[in-house]
Amino acid sequence: MNRRDVLDINIEQWGVARGIVKHATPLSQANKTLEEVHELIDAINDNDRDALMDAIGDIYVTLIMQCSVSGLDIEECIERAYEEIKYRKGTLLEDGTFVKDEANESGI
């Protein structure tokens, strides 16, 4: 078992112990994720590395909790996302925005 697997298990057990998995809803967890994303944006704007690391970790925790509440597996979600993007092509604009090329979604 790798380090991330152990962390995922610990996070899930933490959520069970605190009643999050039992009492939270998918919407309440989505709102918590959104709150943490706002903290991520603040950390980026403040150029605060410690706050950035904290926000990224908190977002990950909320996603683990979302999966637990929704009866999903985080690895399956990540795999599904990767399968959608692995052949994606596009252009990165100067402002950092990625514009996908819709014609290349099939991997050709």
PDB file of N, CA and C in Angstrom:
ATOM      1  N   MET A   1       0.857  -1.171   0.000  1.00  0.00           N
ATOM      2  CA  MET A   1       0.000   0.000   0.000  1.00  0.00           C
ATOM      3  C   MET A   1       0.908   1.242   0.000  1.00  0.00           C
ATOM      4  N   ASN A   2       0.621   2.160  -0.911  1.00  0.00           N
ATOM      5  CA  ASN A   2       1.473   3.346  -0.986  1.00  0.00           C
ATOM      6  C   ASN A   2       0.992   4.428  -0.013  1.00  0.00           C
ATOM      7  N   ARG A   3       1.778   5.467   0.083  1.00  0.00           N
ATOM      8  CA  ARG A   3       1.529   6.562   1.032  1.00  0.00           C
ATOM      9  C   ARG A   3       0.160   7.206   0.823  1.00  0.00           C
ATOM     10  N   ARG A   4      -0.214   7.438  -0.443  1.00  0.00           N
ATOM     11  CA  ARG A   4      -1.502   8.080  -0.700  1.00  0.00           C
ATOM     12  C   ARG A   4      -2.667   7.171  -0.332  1.00  0.00           C
ATOM     13  N   ASP A   5      -2.519   5.880  -0.563  1.00  0.00           N
ATOM     14  CA  ASP A   5      -3.571   4.933  -0.164  1.00  0.00           C
ATOM     15  C   ASP A   5      -3.799   4.997   1.346  1.00  0.00           C
ATOM     16  N   VAL A   6      -2.707   5.037   2.108  1.00  0.00           N
ATOM     17  CA  VAL A   6      -2.803   5.109   3.571  1.00  0.00           C
ATOM     18  C   VAL A   6      -3.473   6.418   3.981  1.00  0.00           C
ATOM     19  N   LEU A   7      -3.087   7.514   3.348  1.00  0.00           N
ATOM     20  CA  LEU A   7      -3.706   8.804   3.656  1.00  0.00           C
ATOM     21  C   LEU A   7      -5.200   8.788   3.339  1.00  0.00           C
ATOM     22  N   ASP A   8      -5.556   8.222   2.194  1.00  0.00           N
ATOM     23  CA  ASP A   8      -6.975   8.143   1.819  1.00  0.00           C
ATOM     24  C   ASP A   8      -7.767   7.365   2.870  1.00  0.00           C
ATOM     25  N   ILE A   9      -7.229   6.262   3.319  1.00  0.00           N
ATOM     26  CA  ILE A   9      -7.900   5.451   4.346  1.00  0.00           C
ATOM     27  C   ILE A   9      -8.017   6.240   5.644  1.00  0.00           C
ATOM     28  N   ASN A  10      -6.945   6.902   6.042  1.00  0.00           N
ATOM     29  CA  ASN A  10      -6.964   7.704   7.271  1.00  0.00           C
ATOM     30  C   ASN A  10      -7.985   8.834   7.179  1.00  0.00           C
ATOM     31  N   ILE A  11      -8.045   9.486   6.028  1.00  0.00           N
ATOM     32  CA  ILE A  11      -9.009  10.576   5.831  1.00  0.00           C
ATOM     33  C   ILE A  11     -10.427  10.038   5.920  1.00  0.00           C
ATOM     34  N   GLU A  12     -10.677   8.917   5.271  1.00  0.00           N
ATOM     35  CA  GLU A  12     -12.019   8.337   5.300  1.00  0.00           C
ATOM     36  C   GLU A  12     -12.406   7.947   6.730  1.00  0.00           C
ATOM     37  N   GLN A  13     -11.487   7.345   7.472  1.00  0.00           N
ATOM     38  CA  GLN A  13     -11.752   6.966   8.866  1.00  0.00           C
ATOM     39  C   GLN A  13     -11.999   8.212   9.724  1.00  0.00           C
ATOM     40  N   TRP A  14     -11.260   9.275   9.465  1.00  0.00           N
ATOM     41  CA  TRP A  14     -11.458  10.543  10.166  1.00  0.00           C
ATOM     42  C   TRP A  14     -12.880  11.054   9.925  1.00  0.00           C
ATOM     43  N   GLY A  15     -13.327  10.992   8.659  1.00  0.00           N
ATOM     44  CA  GLY A  15     -14.671  11.448   8.319  1.00  0.00           C
ATOM     45  C   GLY A  15     -15.759  10.606   8.954  1.00  0.00           C
ATOM     46  N   VAL A  16     -15.527   9.308   9.065  1.00  0.00           N
ATOM     47  CA  VAL A  16     -16.482   8.421   9.725  1.00  0.00           C
ATOM     48  C   VAL A  16     -16.542   8.759  11.217  1.00  0.00           C
ATOM     49  N   ALA A  17     -15.372   8.915  11.839  1.00  0.00           N
ATOM     50  CA  ALA A  17     -15.297   9.190  13.279  1.00  0.00           C
ATOM     51  C   ALA A  17     -15.972  10.507  13.649  1.00  0.00           C
ATOM     52  N   ARG A  18     -15.982  11.455  12.750  1.00  0.00           N
ATOM     53  CA  ARG A  18     -16.581  12.762  13.029  1.00  0.00           C
ATOM     54  C   ARG A  18     -18.013  12.898  12.519  1.00  0.00           C
ATOM     55  N   GLY A  19     -18.561  11.826  12.007  1.00  0.00           N
ATOM     56  CA  GLY A  19     -19.946  11.840  11.565  1.00  0.00           C
ATOM     57  C   GLY A  19     -20.174  12.490  10.213  1.00  0.00           C
ATOM     58  N   ILE A  20     -19.097  12.837   9.536  1.00  0.00           N
ATOM     59  CA  ILE A  20     -19.237  13.496   8.232  1.00  0.00           C
ATOM     60  C   ILE A  20     -19.866  12.543   7.226  1.00  0.00           C
ATOM     61  N   VAL A  21     -19.345  11.334   7.161  1.00  0.00           N
ATOM     62  CA  VAL A  21     -19.850  10.368   6.185  1.00  0.00           C
ATOM     63  C   VAL A  21     -21.313  10.032   6.462  1.00  0.00           C
ATOM     64  N   LYS A  22     -21.683   9.950   7.729  1.00  0.00           N
ATOM     65  CA  LYS A  22     -23.055   9.594   8.092  1.00  0.00           C
ATOM     66  C   LYS A  22     -24.034  10.747   7.878  1.00  0.00           C
ATOM     67  N   HIS A  23     -23.612  11.981   8.190  1.00  0.00           N
ATOM     68  CA  HIS A  23     -24.558  13.089   8.227  1.00  0.00           C
ATOM     69  C   HIS A  23     -24.444  14.088   7.072  1.00  0.00           C
ATOM     70  N   ALA A  24     -23.334  14.095   6.382  1.00  0.00           N
ATOM     71  CA  ALA A  24     -23.165  15.062   5.289  1.00  0.00           C
ATOM     72  C   ALA A  24     -23.989  14.623   4.081  1.00  0.00           C
ATOM     73  N   THR A  25     -24.226  15.562   3.207  1.00  0.00           N
ATOM     74  CA  THR A  25     -24.895  15.271   1.939  1.00  0.00           C
ATOM     75  C   THR A  25     -23.936  15.617   0.808  1.00  0.00           C
ATOM     76  N   PRO A  26     -24.182  15.101  -0.372  1.00  0.00           N
ATOM     77  CA  PRO A  26     -23.325  15.499  -1.495  1.00  0.00           C
ATOM     78  C   PRO A  26     -23.280  17.017  -1.679  1.00  0.00           C
ATOM     79  N   LEU A  27     -24.416  17.690  -1.488  1.00  0.00           N
ATOM     80  CA  LEU A  27     -24.429  19.147  -1.641  1.00  0.00           C
ATOM     81  C   LEU A  27     -23.632  19.845  -0.543  1.00  0.00           C
ATOM     82  N   SER A  28     -23.747  19.382   0.685  1.00  0.00           N
ATOM     83  CA  SER A  28     -22.977  20.024   1.765  1.00  0.00           C
ATOM     84  C   SER A  28     -21.479  19.826   1.552  1.00  0.00           C
ATOM     85  N   GLN A  29     -21.099  18.666   1.041  1.00  0.00           N
ATOM     86  CA  GLN A  29     -19.681  18.439   0.755  1.00  0.00           C
ATOM     87  C   GLN A  29     -19.213  19.280  -0.427  1.00  0.00           C
ATOM     88  N   ALA A  30     -20.062  19.437  -1.429  1.00  0.00           N
ATOM     89  CA  ALA A  30     -19.708  20.294  -2.570  1.00  0.00           C
ATOM     90  C   ALA A  30     -19.519  21.733  -2.101  1.00  0.00           C
ATOM     91  N   ASN A  31     -20.376  22.187  -1.193  1.00  0.00           N
ATOM     92  CA  ASN A  31     -20.222  23.542  -0.651  1.00  0.00           C
ATOM     93  C   ASN A  31     -18.928  23.679   0.141  1.00  0.00           C
ATOM     94  N   LYS A  32     -18.547  22.635   0.865  1.00  0.00           N
ATOM     95  CA  LYS A  32     -17.279  22.656   1.614  1.00  0.00           C
ATOM     96  C   LYS A  32     -16.100  22.708   0.637  1.00  0.00           C
ATOM     97  N   THR A  33     -16.178  21.940  -0.438  1.00  0.00           N
ATOM     98  CA  THR A  33     -15.126  21.984  -1.454  1.00  0.00           C
ATOM     99  C   THR A  33     -15.026  23.386  -2.042  1.00  0.00           C
ATOM    100  N   LEU A  34     -16.170  23.993  -2.341  1.00  0.00           N
ATOM    101  CA  LEU A  34     -16.178  25.346  -2.897  1.00  0.00           C
ATOM    102  C   LEU A  34     -15.537  26.342  -1.928  1.00  0.00           C
ATOM    103  N   GLU A  35     -15.834  26.211  -0.654  1.00  0.00           N
ATOM    104  CA  GLU A  35     -15.222  27.069   0.372  1.00  0.00           C
ATOM    105  C   GLU A  35     -13.696  26.933   0.337  1.00  0.00           C
ATOM    106  N   GLU A  36     -13.237  25.699   0.235  1.00  0.00           N
ATOM    107  CA  GLU A  36     -11.787  25.457   0.206  1.00  0.00           C
ATOM    108  C   GLU A  36     -11.167  25.974  -1.097  1.00  0.00           C
ATOM    109  N   VAL A  37     -11.884  25.901  -2.203  1.00  0.00           N
ATOM    110  CA  VAL A  37     -11.382  26.448  -3.467  1.00  0.00           C
ATOM    111  C   VAL A  37     -11.219  27.960  -3.353  1.00  0.00           C
ATOM    112  N   HIS A  38     -12.133  28.623  -2.674  1.00  0.00           N
ATOM    113  CA  HIS A  38     -11.990  30.065  -2.435  1.00  0.00           C
ATOM    114  C   HIS A  38     -10.727  30.354  -1.623  1.00  0.00           C
ATOM    115  N   GLU A  39     -10.448  29.503  -0.643  1.00  0.00           N
ATOM    116  CA  GLU A  39      -9.220  29.658   0.136  1.00  0.00           C
ATOM    117  C   GLU A  39      -7.988  29.443  -0.745  1.00  0.00           C
ATOM    118  N   LEU A  40      -8.084  28.514  -1.690  1.00  0.00           N
ATOM    119  CA  LEU A  40      -6.992  28.288  -2.643  1.00  0.00           C
ATOM    120  C   LEU A  40      -6.734  29.553  -3.469  1.00  0.00           C
ATOM    121  N   ILE A  41      -7.790  30.154  -3.961  1.00  0.00           N
ATOM    122  CA  ILE A  41      -7.659  31.374  -4.759  1.00  0.00           C
ATOM    123  C   ILE A  41      -7.040  32.487  -3.921  1.00  0.00           C
ATOM    124  N   ASP A  42      -7.483  32.618  -2.680  1.00  0.00           N
ATOM    125  CA  ASP A  42      -6.904  33.631  -1.793  1.00  0.00           C
ATOM    126  C   ASP A  42      -5.409  33.387  -1.593  1.00  0.00           C
ATOM    127  N   ALA A  43      -5.036  32.119  -1.391  1.00  0.00           N
ATOM    128  CA  ALA A  43      -3.617  31.788  -1.179  1.00  0.00           C
ATOM    129  C   ALA A  43      -2.785  32.121  -2.410  1.00  0.00           C
ATOM    130  N   ILE A  44      -3.335  31.852  -3.587  1.00  0.00           N
ATOM    131  CA  ILE A  44      -2.627  32.182  -4.828  1.00  0.00           C
ATOM    132  C   ILE A  44      -2.471  33.691  -4.947  1.00  0.00           C
ATOM    133  N   ASN A  45      -3.558  34.403  -4.706  1.00  0.00           N
ATOM    134  CA  ASN A  45      -3.503  35.865  -4.802  1.00  0.00           C
ATOM    135  C   ASN A  45      -2.554  36.480  -3.785  1.00  0.00           C
ATOM    136  N   ASP A  46      -2.441  35.857  -2.603  1.00  0.00           N
ATOM    137  CA  ASP A  46      -1.551  36.354  -1.553  1.00  0.00           C
ATOM    138  C   ASP A  46      -0.126  35.825  -1.689  1.00  0.00           C
ATOM    139  N   ASN A  47       0.094  34.946  -2.677  1.00  0.00           N
ATOM    140  CA  ASN A  47       1.400  34.307  -2.869  1.00  0.00           C
ATOM    141  C   ASN A  47       1.873  33.650  -1.563  1.00  0.00           C
ATOM    142  N   ASP A  48       0.952  32.949  -0.905  1.00  0.00           N
ATOM    143  CA  ASP A  48       1.195  32.323   0.397  1.00  0.00           C
ATOM    144  C   ASP A  48       1.309  30.816   0.218  1.00  0.00           C
ATOM    145  N   ARG A  49       2.536  30.335   0.161  1.00  0.00           N
ATOM    146  CA  ARG A  49       2.796  28.917  -0.105  1.00  0.00           C
ATOM    147  C   ARG A  49       2.177  28.005   0.956  1.00  0.00           C
ATOM    148  N   ASP A  50       2.300  28.363   2.230  1.00  0.00           N
ATOM    149  CA  ASP A  50       1.731  27.532   3.294  1.00  0.00           C
ATOM    150  C   ASP A  50       0.211  27.440   3.163  1.00  0.00           C
ATOM    151  N   ALA A  51      -0.437  28.560   2.910  1.00  0.00           N
ATOM    152  CA  ALA A  51      -1.891  28.572   2.735  1.00  0.00           C
ATOM    153  C   ALA A  51      -2.281  27.801   1.471  1.00  0.00           C
ATOM    154  N   LEU A  52      -1.441  27.875   0.446  1.00  0.00           N
ATOM    155  CA  LEU A  52      -1.687  27.136  -0.796  1.00  0.00           C
ATOM    156  C   LEU A  52      -1.664  25.632  -0.532  1.00  0.00           C
ATOM    157  N   MET A  53      -0.648  25.178   0.185  1.00  0.00           N
ATOM    158  CA  MET A  53      -0.561  23.754   0.520  1.00  0.00           C
ATOM    159  C   MET A  53      -1.744  23.316   1.369  1.00  0.00           C
ATOM    160  N   ASP A  54      -2.124  24.144   2.336  1.00  0.00           N
ATOM    161  CA  ASP A  54      -3.259  23.832   3.197  1.00  0.00           C
ATOM    162  C   ASP A  54      -4.543  23.726   2.379  1.00  0.00           C
ATOM    163  N   ALA A  55      -4.754  24.668   1.479  1.00  0.00           N
ATOM    164  CA  ALA A  55      -5.981  24.671   0.665  1.00  0.00           C
ATOM    165  C   ALA A  55      -6.042  23.452  -0.249  1.00  0.00           C
ATOM    166  N   ILE A  56      -4.930  23.121  -0.878  1.00  0.00           N
ATOM    167  CA  ILE A  56      -4.913  21.943  -1.753  1.00  0.00           C
ATOM    168  C   ILE A  56      -5.229  20.682  -0.949  1.00  0.00           C
ATOM    169  N   GLY A  57      -4.604  20.547   0.210  1.00  0.00           N
ATOM    170  CA  GLY A  57      -4.888  19.397   1.070  1.00  0.00           C
ATOM    171  C   GLY A  57      -6.333  19.358   1.512  1.00  0.00           C
ATOM    172  N   ASP A  58      -6.875  20.515   1.894  1.00  0.00           N
ATOM    173  CA  ASP A  58      -8.270  20.576   2.330  1.00  0.00           C
ATOM    174  C   ASP A  58      -9.220  20.217   1.191  1.00  0.00           C
ATOM    175  N   ILE A  59      -8.916  20.671  -0.010  1.00  0.00           N
ATOM    176  CA  ILE A  59      -9.751  20.325  -1.166  1.00  0.00           C
ATOM    177  C   ILE A  59      -9.750  18.814  -1.368  1.00  0.00           C
ATOM    178  N   TYR A  60      -8.579  18.217  -1.281  1.00  0.00           N
ATOM    179  CA  TYR A  60      -8.477  16.763  -1.447  1.00  0.00           C
ATOM    180  C   TYR A  60      -9.306  16.035  -0.387  1.00  0.00           C
ATOM    181  N   VAL A  61      -9.220  16.507   0.857  1.00  0.00           N
ATOM    182  CA  VAL A  61     -10.004  15.896   1.935  1.00  0.00           C
ATOM    183  C   VAL A  61     -11.493  15.997   1.625  1.00  0.00           C
ATOM    184  N   THR A  62     -11.954  17.156   1.165  1.00  0.00           N
ATOM    185  CA  THR A  62     -13.377  17.313   0.857  1.00  0.00           C
ATOM    186  C   THR A  62     -13.789  16.405  -0.294  1.00  0.00           C
ATOM    187  N   LEU A  63     -12.886  16.154  -1.233  1.00  0.00           N
ATOM    188  CA  LEU A  63     -13.210  15.250  -2.339  1.00  0.00           C
ATOM    189  C   LEU A  63     -13.302  13.802  -1.862  1.00  0.00           C
ATOM    190  N   ILE A  64     -12.423  13.419  -0.940  1.00  0.00           N
ATOM    191  CA  ILE A  64     -12.507  12.077  -0.341  1.00  0.00           C
ATOM    192  C   ILE A  64     -13.840  11.945   0.391  1.00  0.00           C
ATOM    193  N   MET A  65     -14.208  12.978   1.149  1.00  0.00           N
ATOM    194  CA  MET A  65     -15.488  12.949   1.871  1.00  0.00           C
ATOM    195  C   MET A  65     -16.661  12.911   0.895  1.00  0.00           C
ATOM    196  N   GLN A  66     -16.564  13.652  -0.201  1.00  0.00           N
ATOM    197  CA  GLN A  66     -17.619  13.636  -1.214  1.00  0.00           C
ATOM    198  C   GLN A  66     -17.802  12.219  -1.748  1.00  0.00           C
ATOM    199  N   CYS A  67     -16.708  11.558  -2.041  1.00  0.00           N
ATOM    200  CA  CYS A  67     -16.788  10.184  -2.539  1.00  0.00           C
ATOM    201  C   CYS A  67     -17.420   9.262  -1.501  1.00  0.00           C
ATOM    202  N   SER A  68     -17.033   9.397  -0.251  1.00  0.00           N
ATOM    203  CA  SER A  68     -17.594   8.557   0.804  1.00  0.00           C
ATOM    204  C   SER A  68     -19.091   8.776   0.949  1.00  0.00           C
ATOM    205  N   VAL A  69     -19.500  10.031   0.948  1.00  0.00           N
ATOM    206  CA  VAL A  69     -20.916  10.369   1.093  1.00  0.00           C
ATOM    207  C   VAL A  69     -21.718   9.885  -0.123  1.00  0.00           C
ATOM    208  N   SER A  70     -21.098   9.946  -1.294  1.00  0.00           N
ATOM    209  CA  SER A  70     -21.788   9.602  -2.545  1.00  0.00           C
ATOM    210  C   SER A  70     -21.631   8.141  -2.947  1.00  0.00           C
ATOM    211  N   GLY A  71     -20.879   7.367  -2.167  1.00  0.00           N
ATOM    212  CA  GLY A  71     -20.680   5.958  -2.484  1.00  0.00           C
ATOM    213  C   GLY A  71     -19.788   5.740  -3.696  1.00  0.00           C
ATOM    214  N   LEU A  72     -18.801   6.617  -3.858  1.00  0.00           N
ATOM    215  CA  LEU A  72     -17.878   6.525  -4.990  1.00  0.00           C
ATOM    216  C   LEU A  72     -16.469   6.237  -4.500  1.00  0.00           C
ATOM    217  N   ASP A  73     -15.623   5.797  -5.404  1.00  0.00           N
ATOM    218  CA  ASP A  73     -14.217   5.544  -5.112  1.00  0.00           C
ATOM    219  C   ASP A  73     -13.392   6.634  -5.777  1.00  0.00           C
ATOM    220  N   ILE A  74     -12.542   7.306  -5.012  1.00  0.00           N
ATOM    221  CA  ILE A  74     -11.762   8.433  -5.540  1.00  0.00           C
ATOM    222  C   ILE A  74     -10.874   8.001  -6.704  1.00  0.00           C
ATOM    223  N   GLU A  75     -10.286   6.817  -6.620  1.00  0.00           N
ATOM    224  CA  GLU A  75      -9.431   6.353  -7.719  1.00  0.00           C
ATOM    225  C   GLU A  75     -10.230   6.144  -8.997  1.00  0.00           C
ATOM    226  N   GLU A  76     -11.420   5.606  -8.878  1.00  0.00           N
ATOM    227  CA  GLU A  76     -12.261   5.430 -10.071  1.00  0.00           C
ATOM    228  C   GLU A  76     -12.619   6.783 -10.686  1.00  0.00           C
ATOM    229  N   CYS A  77     -12.886   7.763  -9.842  1.00  0.00           N
ATOM    230  CA  CYS A  77     -13.194   9.108 -10.347  1.00  0.00           C
ATOM    231  C   CYS A  77     -11.998   9.696 -11.073  1.00  0.00           C
ATOM    232  N   ILE A  78     -10.813   9.532 -10.486  1.00  0.00           N
ATOM    233  CA  ILE A  78      -9.596  10.058 -11.104  1.00  0.00           C
ATOM    234  C   ILE A  78      -9.314   9.326 -12.414  1.00  0.00           C
ATOM    235  N   GLU A  79      -9.461   8.009 -12.407  1.00  0.00           N
ATOM    236  CA  GLU A  79      -9.251   7.233 -13.633  1.00  0.00           C
ATOM    237  C   GLU A  79     -10.209   7.668 -14.734  1.00  0.00           C
ATOM    238  N   ARG A  80     -11.461   7.885 -14.370  1.00  0.00           N
ATOM    239  CA  ARG A  80     -12.451   8.321 -15.362  1.00  0.00           C
ATOM    240  C   ARG A  80     -12.065   9.685 -15.938  1.00  0.00           C
ATOM    241  N   ALA A  81     -11.635  10.583 -15.087  1.00  0.00           N
ATOM    242  CA  ALA A  81     -11.215  11.909 -15.562  1.00  0.00           C
ATOM    243  C   ALA A  81     -10.012  11.788 -16.493  1.00  0.00           C
ATOM    244  N   TYR A  82      -9.052  10.936 -16.108  1.00  0.00           N
ATOM    245  CA  TYR A  82      -7.874  10.766 -16.962  1.00  0.00           C
ATOM    246  C   TYR A  82      -8.258  10.180 -18.314  1.00  0.00           C
ATOM    247  N   GLU A  83      -9.157   9.194 -18.318  1.00  0.00           N
ATOM    248  CA  GLU A  83      -9.594   8.597 -19.582  1.00  0.00           C
ATOM    249  C   GLU A  83     -10.228   9.651 -20.492  1.00  0.00           C
ATOM    250  N   GLU A  84     -10.885  10.637 -19.913  1.00  0.00           N
ATOM    251  CA  GLU A  84     -11.491  11.713 -20.707  1.00  0.00           C
ATOM    252  C   GLU A  84     -10.458  12.669 -21.285  1.00  0.00           C
ATOM    253  N   ILE A  85      -9.368  12.882 -20.552  1.00  0.00           N
ATOM    254  CA  ILE A  85      -8.410  13.915 -20.985  1.00  0.00           C
ATOM    255  C   ILE A  85      -7.148  13.386 -21.635  1.00  0.00           C
ATOM    256  N   LYS A  86      -6.874  12.096 -21.563  1.00  0.00           N
ATOM    257  CA  LYS A  86      -5.558  11.596 -21.958  1.00  0.00           C
ATOM    258  C   LYS A  86      -5.177  11.901 -23.402  1.00  0.00           C
ATOM    259  N   TYR A  87      -6.130  12.022 -24.292  1.00  0.00           N
ATOM    260  CA  TYR A  87      -5.812  12.351 -25.678  1.00  0.00           C
ATOM    261  C   TYR A  87      -6.175  13.790 -26.028  1.00  0.00           C
ATOM    262  N   ARG A  88      -6.609  14.529 -25.042  1.00  0.00           N
ATOM    263  CA  ARG A  88      -7.069  15.892 -25.288  1.00  0.00           C
ATOM    264  C   ARG A  88      -5.926  16.761 -25.796  1.00  0.00           C
ATOM    265  N   LYS A  89      -6.233  17.522 -26.825  1.00  0.00           N
ATOM    266  CA  LYS A  89      -5.272  18.465 -27.381  1.00  0.00           C
ATOM    267  C   LYS A  89      -5.907  19.833 -27.360  1.00  0.00           C
ATOM    268  N   GLY A  90      -5.073  20.821 -27.374  1.00  0.00           N
ATOM    269  CA  GLY A  90      -5.580  22.185 -27.367  1.00  0.00           C
ATOM    270  C   GLY A  90      -4.437  23.170 -27.288  1.00  0.00           C
ATOM    271  N   THR A  91      -4.792  24.366 -26.893  1.00  0.00           N
ATOM    272  CA  THR A  91      -3.834  25.458 -26.834  1.00  0.00           C
ATOM    273  C   THR A  91      -3.905  26.114 -25.470  1.00  0.00           C
ATOM    274  N   LEU A  92      -2.735  26.415 -24.916  1.00  0.00           N
ATOM    275  CA  LEU A  92      -2.670  27.166 -23.674  1.00  0.00           C
ATOM    276  C   LEU A  92      -2.463  28.630 -24.030  1.00  0.00           C
ATOM    277  N   LEU A  93      -3.432  29.450 -23.676  1.00  0.00           N
ATOM    278  CA  LEU A  93      -3.349  30.869 -23.972  1.00  0.00           C
ATOM    279  C   LEU A  93      -2.361  31.559 -23.038  1.00  0.00           C
ATOM    280  N   GLU A  94      -1.944  32.757 -23.398  1.00  0.00           N
ATOM    281  CA  GLU A  94      -0.975  33.492 -22.589  1.00  0.00           C
ATOM    282  C   GLU A  94      -1.449  33.753 -21.168  1.00  0.00           C
ATOM    283  N   ASP A  95      -2.770  33.809 -20.962  1.00  0.00           N
ATOM    284  CA  ASP A  95      -3.300  34.051 -19.615  1.00  0.00           C
ATOM    285  C   ASP A  95      -3.391  32.764 -18.794  1.00  0.00           C
ATOM    286  N   GLY A  96      -2.947  31.625 -19.357  1.00  0.00           N
ATOM    287  CA  GLY A  96      -2.962  30.357 -18.654  1.00  0.00           C
ATOM    288  C   GLY A  96      -4.219  29.535 -18.867  1.00  0.00           C
ATOM    289  N   THR A  97      -5.133  30.006 -19.688  1.00  0.00           N
ATOM    290  CA  THR A  97      -6.375  29.299 -19.978  1.00  0.00           C
ATOM    291  C   THR A  97      -6.133  28.253 -21.057  1.00  0.00           C
ATOM    292  N   PHE A  98      -6.566  27.008 -20.792  1.00  0.00           N
ATOM    293  CA  PHE A  98      -6.445  25.937 -21.768  1.00  0.00           C
ATOM    294  C   PHE A  98      -7.723  25.884 -22.584  1.00  0.00           C
ATOM    295  N   VAL A  99      -7.588  25.943 -23.893  1.00  0.00           N
ATOM    296  CA  VAL A  99      -8.730  25.825 -24.806  1.00  0.00           C
ATOM    297  C   VAL A  99      -8.574  24.504 -25.537  1.00  0.00           C
ATOM    298  N   LYS A 100      -9.485  23.566 -25.252  1.00  0.00           N
ATOM    299  CA  LYS A 100      -9.346  22.240 -25.860  1.00  0.00           C
ATOM    300  C   LYS A 100      -9.794  22.263 -27.311  1.00  0.00           C
ATOM    301  N   ASP A 101      -9.147  21.403 -28.074  1.00  0.00           N
ATOM    302  CA  ASP A 101      -9.476  21.209 -29.482  1.00  0.00           C
ATOM    303  C   ASP A 101     -10.521  20.111 -29.542  1.00  0.00           C
ATOM    304  N   GLU A 102     -11.777  20.473 -29.750  1.00  0.00           N
ATOM    305  CA  GLU A 102     -12.888  19.509 -29.730  1.00  0.00           C
ATOM    306  C   GLU A 102     -12.730  18.416 -30.774  1.00  0.00           C
ATOM    307  N   ALA A 103     -12.015  18.697 -31.877  1.00  0.00           N
ATOM    308  CA  ALA A 103     -11.858  17.714 -32.958  1.00  0.00           C
ATOM    309  C   ALA A 103     -10.940  16.564 -32.568  1.00  0.00           C
ATOM    310  N   ASN A 104     -10.142  16.712 -31.500  1.00  0.00           N
ATOM    311  CA  ASN A 104      -9.163  15.687 -31.122  1.00  0.00           C
ATOM    312  C   ASN A 104      -9.539  14.921 -29.867  1.00  0.00           C
ATOM    313  N   GLU A 105     -10.780  14.857 -29.506  1.00  0.00           N
ATOM    314  CA  GLU A 105     -11.205  14.176 -28.289  1.00  0.00           C
ATOM    315  C   GLU A 105     -11.052  12.659 -28.379  1.00  0.00           C
ATOM    316  N   SER A 106     -11.038  12.083 -29.566  1.00  0.00           N
ATOM    317  CA  SER A 106     -11.011  10.627 -29.702  1.00  0.00           C
ATOM    318  C   SER A 106      -9.612  10.029 -29.658  1.00  0.00           C
ATOM    319  N   GLY A 107      -8.590  10.854 -29.603  1.00  0.00           N
ATOM    320  CA  GLY A 107      -7.239  10.337 -29.538  1.00  0.00           C
ATOM    321  C   GLY A 107      -6.579  10.227 -30.900  1.00  0.00           C
ATOM    322  N   ILE A 108      -7.239  10.676 -31.928  1.00  0.00           N
ATOM    323  CA  ILE A 108      -6.691  10.612 -33.278  1.00  0.00           C
ATOM    324  C   ILE A 108      -5.839  11.837 -33.553  1.00  0.00           C
TER     325      ILE A 108
END
